[in-house]
Amino acid sequence: MLSILTDATCGEACWTAKEDMCKCSCGGHNHGVLLTPEGIQPNRTCKIDNFRYELIEIGKYSELYTKGDRINKEEGIARMLGNYTYYNHVTDPGALVRVKAASMIQIKNWKELGHFKSMERVELHHNKPYLMWKRVL
């Protein structure tokens, strides 16, 4: 199998080997992994503000925001601005943990979000899933 290491994140197209050649960031490591009986789905990855992240949790915004800010404060990089110590928030570019709303396409296509597919638009609006991503260092 040939692989080309690119900036594209690894996902369904790679895991199910829709192309002969792997063209994503895994460099062929995950190519076709779901085609085998023992294949385990790799963690989802994405790029946010030019940083690579891995999906770690799905939940409600308020819960993930609180948890993500705590992780950023405990494990993240702090900056001193005068006498103030600044910790990244879940919305800051480059933060250790980011929280983003799941898109309709993600809800439709990702098995991790499968239980949201059957929700009506109004119900989904009130129960929108959010995704917590941790930066791959």
N, C-alpha and C. Protein backbone atom coordinates (compact mmCIF):
# COMPACT_ATOMS: atom_id res chain seq x y z
N MET A 1 0.84 -1.18 0.00
CA MET A 1 0.00 0.00 0.00
C MET A 1 0.88 1.24 0.00
N LEU A 2 0.51 2.22 -0.77
CA LEU A 2 1.23 3.48 -0.82
C LEU A 2 0.56 4.48 0.10
N SER A 3 1.35 5.38 0.64
CA SER A 3 0.78 6.45 1.46
C SER A 3 1.50 7.75 1.17
N ILE A 4 0.74 8.80 1.33
CA ILE A 4 1.28 10.15 1.18
C ILE A 4 0.92 10.88 2.46
N LEU A 5 1.89 11.38 3.18
CA LEU A 5 1.61 12.10 4.41
C LEU A 5 1.17 13.52 4.07
N THR A 6 -0.05 13.85 4.44
CA THR A 6 -0.58 15.17 4.13
C THR A 6 -1.09 15.83 5.40
N ASP A 7 -1.67 16.99 5.22
CA ASP A 7 -2.24 17.74 6.33
C ASP A 7 -3.70 17.37 6.56
N ALA A 8 -4.28 16.53 5.70
CA ALA A 8 -5.68 16.13 5.85
C ALA A 8 -5.83 15.21 7.06
N THR A 9 -6.93 15.40 7.81
CA THR A 9 -7.14 14.55 8.98
C THR A 9 -7.66 13.19 8.56
N CYS A 10 -7.42 12.22 9.41
CA CYS A 10 -7.80 10.84 9.16
C CYS A 10 -9.27 10.64 9.53
N GLY A 11 -10.03 9.96 8.68
CA GLY A 11 -11.45 9.75 8.96
C GLY A 11 -12.02 8.56 8.21
N GLU A 12 -13.34 8.56 8.05
CA GLU A 12 -14.08 7.44 7.45
C GLU A 12 -13.51 6.98 6.11
N ALA A 13 -13.16 7.93 5.24
CA ALA A 13 -12.66 7.55 3.92
C ALA A 13 -11.39 6.72 4.02
N CYS A 14 -10.54 7.04 4.96
CA CYS A 14 -9.31 6.27 5.17
C CYS A 14 -9.63 4.93 5.84
N TRP A 15 -10.43 4.97 6.90
CA TRP A 15 -10.71 3.77 7.68
C TRP A 15 -11.39 2.69 6.86
N THR A 16 -12.19 3.10 5.87
CA THR A 16 -12.87 2.13 5.02
C THR A 16 -12.18 2.00 3.66
N ALA A 17 -11.02 2.61 3.52
CA ALA A 17 -10.17 2.52 2.33
C ALA A 17 -10.94 2.80 1.05
N LYS A 18 -11.54 3.97 0.97
CA LYS A 18 -12.28 4.34 -0.23
C LYS A 18 -11.36 4.63 -1.41
N GLU A 19 -10.09 4.88 -1.13
CA GLU A 19 -9.09 5.09 -2.18
C GLU A 19 -7.97 4.07 -1.98
N ASP A 20 -7.28 3.73 -3.07
CA ASP A 20 -6.18 2.78 -2.98
C ASP A 20 -5.01 3.34 -2.18
N MET A 21 -4.81 4.62 -2.29
CA MET A 21 -3.67 5.26 -1.66
C MET A 21 -4.14 6.10 -0.47
N CYS A 22 -3.49 5.96 0.65
CA CYS A 22 -3.81 6.75 1.84
C CYS A 22 -3.29 8.17 1.63
N LYS A 23 -4.16 9.14 1.83
CA LYS A 23 -3.79 10.53 1.60
C LYS A 23 -4.06 11.40 2.83
N CYS A 24 -3.97 10.82 4.00
CA CYS A 24 -4.27 11.61 5.19
C CYS A 24 -3.10 11.58 6.18
N SER A 25 -3.31 12.20 7.32
CA SER A 25 -2.24 12.39 8.29
C SER A 25 -1.75 11.12 8.97
N CYS A 26 -2.48 10.01 8.85
CA CYS A 26 -2.02 8.77 9.51
C CYS A 26 -0.89 8.10 8.75
N GLY A 27 -0.65 8.51 7.52
CA GLY A 27 0.44 7.94 6.73
C GLY A 27 0.25 6.47 6.41
N GLY A 28 -1.01 6.01 6.36
CA GLY A 28 -1.31 4.62 6.03
C GLY A 28 -1.55 3.74 7.24
N HIS A 29 -1.29 4.24 8.43
CA HIS A 29 -1.44 3.44 9.65
C HIS A 29 -2.88 2.96 9.86
N ASN A 30 -3.87 3.81 9.55
CA ASN A 30 -5.27 3.47 9.76
C ASN A 30 -6.00 3.07 8.47
N HIS A 31 -5.29 3.03 7.36
CA HIS A 31 -5.92 2.80 6.06
C HIS A 31 -6.56 1.41 5.99
N GLY A 32 -7.87 1.38 5.83
CA GLY A 32 -8.61 0.13 5.69
C GLY A 32 -8.83 -0.61 6.99
N VAL A 33 -8.59 0.02 8.13
CA VAL A 33 -8.67 -0.67 9.42
C VAL A 33 -10.07 -1.22 9.71
N LEU A 34 -11.12 -0.58 9.22
CA LEU A 34 -12.48 -1.06 9.49
C LEU A 34 -12.94 -2.16 8.53
N LEU A 35 -12.10 -2.54 7.59
CA LEU A 35 -12.44 -3.60 6.65
C LEU A 35 -12.12 -4.98 7.20
N THR A 36 -11.42 -5.02 8.32
CA THR A 36 -11.05 -6.30 8.92
C THR A 36 -11.99 -6.60 10.09
N PRO A 37 -12.25 -7.88 10.38
CA PRO A 37 -13.15 -8.23 11.48
C PRO A 37 -12.69 -7.69 12.84
N GLU A 38 -11.39 -7.64 13.06
CA GLU A 38 -10.88 -7.15 14.34
C GLU A 38 -10.60 -5.65 14.33
N GLY A 39 -10.98 -4.97 13.26
CA GLY A 39 -10.72 -3.54 13.13
C GLY A 39 -11.46 -2.70 14.15
N ILE A 40 -10.72 -1.86 14.82
CA ILE A 40 -11.28 -0.95 15.81
C ILE A 40 -11.15 0.46 15.26
N GLN A 41 -12.25 1.21 15.35
CA GLN A 41 -12.23 2.57 14.82
C GLN A 41 -11.22 3.43 15.58
N PRO A 42 -10.32 4.08 14.87
CA PRO A 42 -9.38 5.00 15.53
C PRO A 42 -10.12 6.23 16.07
N ASN A 43 -9.45 6.98 16.91
CA ASN A 43 -10.05 8.21 17.42
C ASN A 43 -10.21 9.22 16.29
N ARG A 44 -11.28 9.98 16.37
CA ARG A 44 -11.50 11.05 15.40
C ARG A 44 -10.47 12.14 15.61
N THR A 45 -10.04 12.74 14.52
CA THR A 45 -9.12 13.86 14.59
C THR A 45 -9.66 14.99 13.74
N CYS A 46 -9.19 16.19 14.01
CA CYS A 46 -9.55 17.34 13.19
C CYS A 46 -8.48 18.40 13.33
N LYS A 47 -8.55 19.39 12.48
CA LYS A 47 -7.68 20.55 12.59
C LYS A 47 -8.55 21.74 12.96
N ILE A 48 -8.17 22.42 14.02
CA ILE A 48 -8.86 23.63 14.44
C ILE A 48 -7.80 24.72 14.55
N ASP A 49 -7.95 25.78 13.78
CA ASP A 49 -6.99 26.89 13.79
C ASP A 49 -5.55 26.40 13.59
N ASN A 50 -5.37 25.47 12.65
CA ASN A 50 -4.06 24.92 12.27
C ASN A 50 -3.39 24.07 13.36
N PHE A 51 -4.14 23.63 14.35
CA PHE A 51 -3.64 22.69 15.35
C PHE A 51 -4.41 21.39 15.20
N ARG A 52 -3.73 20.28 15.40
CA ARG A 52 -4.36 18.97 15.28
C ARG A 52 -4.95 18.56 16.64
N TYR A 53 -6.21 18.09 16.60
CA TYR A 53 -6.93 17.69 17.81
C TYR A 53 -7.51 16.30 17.65
N GLU A 54 -7.76 15.66 18.80
CA GLU A 54 -8.37 14.33 18.85
C GLU A 54 -9.64 14.43 19.70
N LEU A 55 -10.72 13.81 19.23
CA LEU A 55 -11.99 13.84 19.95
C LEU A 55 -11.87 13.04 21.24
N ILE A 56 -12.27 13.66 22.37
CA ILE A 56 -12.19 12.95 23.64
C ILE A 56 -13.55 12.79 24.32
N GLU A 57 -14.54 13.64 23.96
CA GLU A 57 -15.84 13.53 24.63
C GLU A 57 -16.92 14.24 23.85
N ILE A 58 -18.15 13.75 24.01
CA ILE A 58 -19.34 14.36 23.42
C ILE A 58 -20.30 14.65 24.56
N GLY A 59 -20.92 15.82 24.55
CA GLY A 59 -21.85 16.15 25.62
C GLY A 59 -22.50 17.50 25.42
N LYS A 60 -23.05 18.03 26.51
CA LYS A 60 -23.70 19.33 26.49
C LYS A 60 -22.63 20.41 26.65
N TYR A 61 -22.91 21.56 26.05
CA TYR A 61 -21.93 22.65 26.06
C TYR A 61 -21.52 23.03 27.47
N SER A 62 -22.49 23.23 28.37
CA SER A 62 -22.18 23.72 29.72
C SER A 62 -21.25 22.75 30.46
N GLU A 63 -21.48 21.46 30.31
CA GLU A 63 -20.65 20.46 30.97
C GLU A 63 -19.24 20.43 30.38
N LEU A 64 -19.18 20.42 29.04
CA LEU A 64 -17.87 20.34 28.38
C LEU A 64 -17.07 21.62 28.56
N TYR A 65 -17.75 22.76 28.55
CA TYR A 65 -17.07 24.04 28.73
C TYR A 65 -16.39 24.08 30.10
N THR A 66 -17.13 23.71 31.14
CA THR A 66 -16.59 23.71 32.50
C THR A 66 -15.42 22.74 32.62
N LYS A 67 -15.61 21.53 32.12
CA LYS A 67 -14.57 20.50 32.18
C LYS A 67 -13.35 20.91 31.36
N GLY A 68 -13.59 21.42 30.16
CA GLY A 68 -12.49 21.84 29.28
C GLY A 68 -11.68 22.98 29.86
N ASP A 69 -12.36 23.97 30.45
CA ASP A 69 -11.63 25.07 31.08
C ASP A 69 -10.80 24.59 32.25
N ARG A 70 -11.33 23.61 33.01
CA ARG A 70 -10.57 23.05 34.14
C ARG A 70 -9.31 22.35 33.63
N ILE A 71 -9.46 21.55 32.55
CA ILE A 71 -8.30 20.85 31.98
C ILE A 71 -7.28 21.85 31.45
N ASN A 72 -7.76 22.87 30.75
CA ASN A 72 -6.85 23.90 30.23
C ASN A 72 -6.08 24.58 31.36
N LYS A 73 -6.75 24.82 32.48
CA LYS A 73 -6.09 25.49 33.61
C LYS A 73 -5.09 24.57 34.29
N GLU A 74 -5.46 23.28 34.44
CA GLU A 74 -4.58 22.33 35.14
C GLU A 74 -3.41 21.85 34.29
N GLU A 75 -3.66 21.59 33.01
CA GLU A 75 -2.65 20.97 32.16
C GLU A 75 -2.13 21.87 31.05
N GLY A 76 -2.85 22.93 30.78
CA GLY A 76 -2.51 23.78 29.65
C GLY A 76 -1.34 24.70 29.93
N ILE A 77 -1.03 25.49 28.96
CA ILE A 77 0.08 26.43 29.05
C ILE A 77 -0.46 27.76 29.56
N ALA A 78 0.17 28.27 30.59
CA ALA A 78 -0.23 29.56 31.16
C ALA A 78 0.69 30.65 30.64
N ARG A 79 0.14 31.84 30.50
CA ARG A 79 0.94 33.00 30.10
C ARG A 79 0.78 34.07 31.17
N MET A 80 1.85 34.75 31.45
CA MET A 80 1.81 35.84 32.41
C MET A 80 1.63 37.15 31.66
N LEU A 81 0.63 37.90 32.05
CA LEU A 81 0.40 39.23 31.50
C LEU A 81 0.42 40.19 32.69
N GLY A 82 1.60 40.73 32.97
CA GLY A 82 1.77 41.55 34.17
C GLY A 82 1.66 40.65 35.39
N ASN A 83 0.74 40.98 36.28
CA ASN A 83 0.52 40.17 37.48
C ASN A 83 -0.57 39.13 37.27
N TYR A 84 -1.10 39.07 36.08
CA TYR A 84 -2.22 38.17 35.79
C TYR A 84 -1.73 36.92 35.07
N THR A 85 -2.15 35.76 35.55
CA THR A 85 -1.84 34.50 34.87
C THR A 85 -3.02 34.17 33.97
N TYR A 86 -2.75 34.05 32.66
CA TYR A 86 -3.82 33.80 31.71
C TYR A 86 -3.78 32.35 31.26
N TYR A 87 -4.89 31.66 31.40
CA TYR A 87 -5.05 30.29 30.93
C TYR A 87 -5.97 30.31 29.72
N ASN A 88 -5.67 29.48 28.73
CA ASN A 88 -6.53 29.40 27.55
C ASN A 88 -7.92 28.91 27.91
N HIS A 89 -8.92 29.43 27.21
CA HIS A 89 -10.29 28.95 27.34
C HIS A 89 -10.58 28.01 26.18
N VAL A 90 -11.68 27.30 26.23
CA VAL A 90 -12.01 26.29 25.22
C VAL A 90 -12.31 26.91 23.85
N THR A 91 -12.35 28.23 23.78
CA THR A 91 -12.61 28.90 22.51
C THR A 91 -11.34 29.55 21.93
N ASP A 92 -10.23 29.48 22.65
CA ASP A 92 -9.00 30.14 22.21
C ASP A 92 -8.21 29.28 21.22
N PRO A 93 -7.72 29.89 20.14
CA PRO A 93 -6.87 29.15 19.20
C PRO A 93 -5.64 28.59 19.91
N GLY A 94 -5.35 27.31 19.68
CA GLY A 94 -4.18 26.67 20.25
C GLY A 94 -4.36 26.15 21.66
N ALA A 95 -5.55 26.31 22.24
CA ALA A 95 -5.79 25.81 23.59
C ALA A 95 -5.62 24.30 23.62
N LEU A 96 -5.21 23.76 24.76
CA LEU A 96 -5.04 22.32 24.91
C LEU A 96 -6.35 21.60 24.63
N VAL A 97 -7.46 22.14 25.15
CA VAL A 97 -8.78 21.55 24.94
C VAL A 97 -9.69 22.58 24.28
N ARG A 98 -10.39 22.16 23.24
CA ARG A 98 -11.36 23.02 22.54
C ARG A 98 -12.72 22.36 22.59
N VAL A 99 -13.77 23.16 22.61
CA VAL A 99 -15.14 22.67 22.56
C VAL A 99 -15.82 23.32 21.37
N LYS A 100 -16.39 22.49 20.51
CA LYS A 100 -17.06 22.98 19.29
C LYS A 100 -18.40 22.26 19.15
N ALA A 101 -19.37 22.94 18.57
CA ALA A 101 -20.67 22.33 18.28
C ALA A 101 -20.51 21.32 17.15
N ALA A 102 -21.23 20.22 17.25
CA ALA A 102 -21.23 19.24 16.16
C ALA A 102 -22.02 19.81 14.99
N SER A 103 -21.52 19.65 13.79
CA SER A 103 -22.24 20.13 12.61
C SER A 103 -23.32 19.12 12.22
N MET A 104 -24.25 19.56 11.40
CA MET A 104 -25.31 18.66 10.93
C MET A 104 -24.72 17.50 10.13
N ILE A 105 -23.68 17.75 9.37
CA ILE A 105 -23.03 16.68 8.60
C ILE A 105 -22.39 15.67 9.53
N GLN A 106 -21.75 16.14 10.61
CA GLN A 106 -21.16 15.23 11.58
C GLN A 106 -22.25 14.39 12.25
N ILE A 107 -23.35 15.03 12.63
CA ILE A 107 -24.46 14.31 13.26
C ILE A 107 -25.00 13.24 12.31
N LYS A 108 -25.10 13.59 11.05
CA LYS A 108 -25.63 12.65 10.05
C LYS A 108 -24.69 11.48 9.78
N ASN A 109 -23.38 11.71 9.79
CA ASN A 109 -22.43 10.71 9.31
C ASN A 109 -21.62 9.98 10.38
N TRP A 110 -21.49 10.52 11.55
CA TRP A 110 -20.64 9.90 12.56
C TRP A 110 -21.44 8.96 13.43
N LYS A 111 -20.94 7.74 13.60
CA LYS A 111 -21.66 6.78 14.44
C LYS A 111 -21.65 7.21 15.90
N GLU A 112 -20.64 7.98 16.32
CA GLU A 112 -20.58 8.47 17.70
C GLU A 112 -21.75 9.39 18.02
N LEU A 113 -22.33 10.00 17.00
CA LEU A 113 -23.44 10.92 17.18
C LEU A 113 -24.76 10.31 16.70
N GLY A 114 -24.79 9.00 16.54
CA GLY A 114 -25.94 8.29 15.98
C GLY A 114 -27.25 8.54 16.70
N HIS A 115 -27.23 8.64 18.03
CA HIS A 115 -28.49 8.82 18.75
C HIS A 115 -29.09 10.21 18.56
N PHE A 116 -28.37 11.14 17.94
CA PHE A 116 -28.90 12.46 17.65
C PHE A 116 -29.59 12.51 16.28
N LYS A 117 -29.34 11.50 15.42
CA LYS A 117 -29.89 11.48 14.07
C LYS A 117 -31.42 11.49 14.05
N SER A 118 -32.02 10.79 14.98
CA SER A 118 -33.48 10.65 14.97
C SER A 118 -34.21 11.85 15.59
N MET A 119 -33.48 12.77 16.17
CA MET A 119 -34.11 13.93 16.80
C MET A 119 -34.67 14.87 15.75
N GLU A 120 -35.82 15.45 16.07
CA GLU A 120 -36.39 16.47 15.20
C GLU A 120 -35.58 17.75 15.37
N ARG A 121 -35.69 18.62 14.39
CA ARG A 121 -34.89 19.84 14.36
C ARG A 121 -35.03 20.68 15.64
N VAL A 122 -36.25 20.83 16.14
CA VAL A 122 -36.48 21.63 17.35
C VAL A 122 -35.82 20.96 18.56
N GLU A 123 -35.99 19.65 18.68
CA GLU A 123 -35.39 18.91 19.79
C GLU A 123 -33.86 18.98 19.70
N LEU A 124 -33.34 18.85 18.50
CA LEU A 124 -31.90 18.91 18.29
C LEU A 124 -31.35 20.30 18.64
N HIS A 125 -32.14 21.32 18.35
CA HIS A 125 -31.73 22.69 18.67
C HIS A 125 -31.54 22.85 20.18
N HIS A 126 -32.41 22.23 20.97
CA HIS A 126 -32.34 22.32 22.43
C HIS A 126 -31.36 21.32 23.04
N ASN A 127 -30.97 20.31 22.30
CA ASN A 127 -30.06 19.27 22.80
C ASN A 127 -28.86 19.09 21.89
N LYS A 128 -28.39 20.17 21.31
CA LYS A 128 -27.29 20.11 20.34
C LYS A 128 -26.05 19.47 20.99
N PRO A 129 -25.46 18.50 20.31
CA PRO A 129 -24.24 17.89 20.85
C PRO A 129 -23.02 18.78 20.61
N TYR A 130 -22.15 18.77 21.59
CA TYR A 130 -20.88 19.47 21.47
C TYR A 130 -19.77 18.45 21.56
N LEU A 131 -18.65 18.78 20.94
CA LEU A 131 -17.50 17.89 20.86
C LEU A 131 -16.33 18.49 21.61
N MET A 132 -15.72 17.72 22.48
CA MET A 132 -14.51 18.18 23.18
C MET A 132 -13.30 17.55 22.51
N TRP A 133 -12.39 18.41 22.10
CA TRP A 133 -11.19 18.00 21.39
C TRP A 133 -9.97 18.33 22.23
N LYS A 134 -8.99 17.40 22.26
CA LYS A 134 -7.73 17.65 22.97
C LYS A 134 -6.60 17.72 21.94
N ARG A 135 -5.77 18.74 22.08
CA ARG A 135 -4.70 18.95 21.11
C ARG A 135 -3.69 17.83 21.16
N VAL A 136 -3.30 17.38 19.99
CA VAL A 136 -2.26 16.34 19.86
C VAL A 136 -0.93 17.08 19.86
N LEU A 137 -0.14 16.80 20.86
CA LEU A 137 1.14 17.52 21.01
C LEU A 137 2.27 16.82 20.33
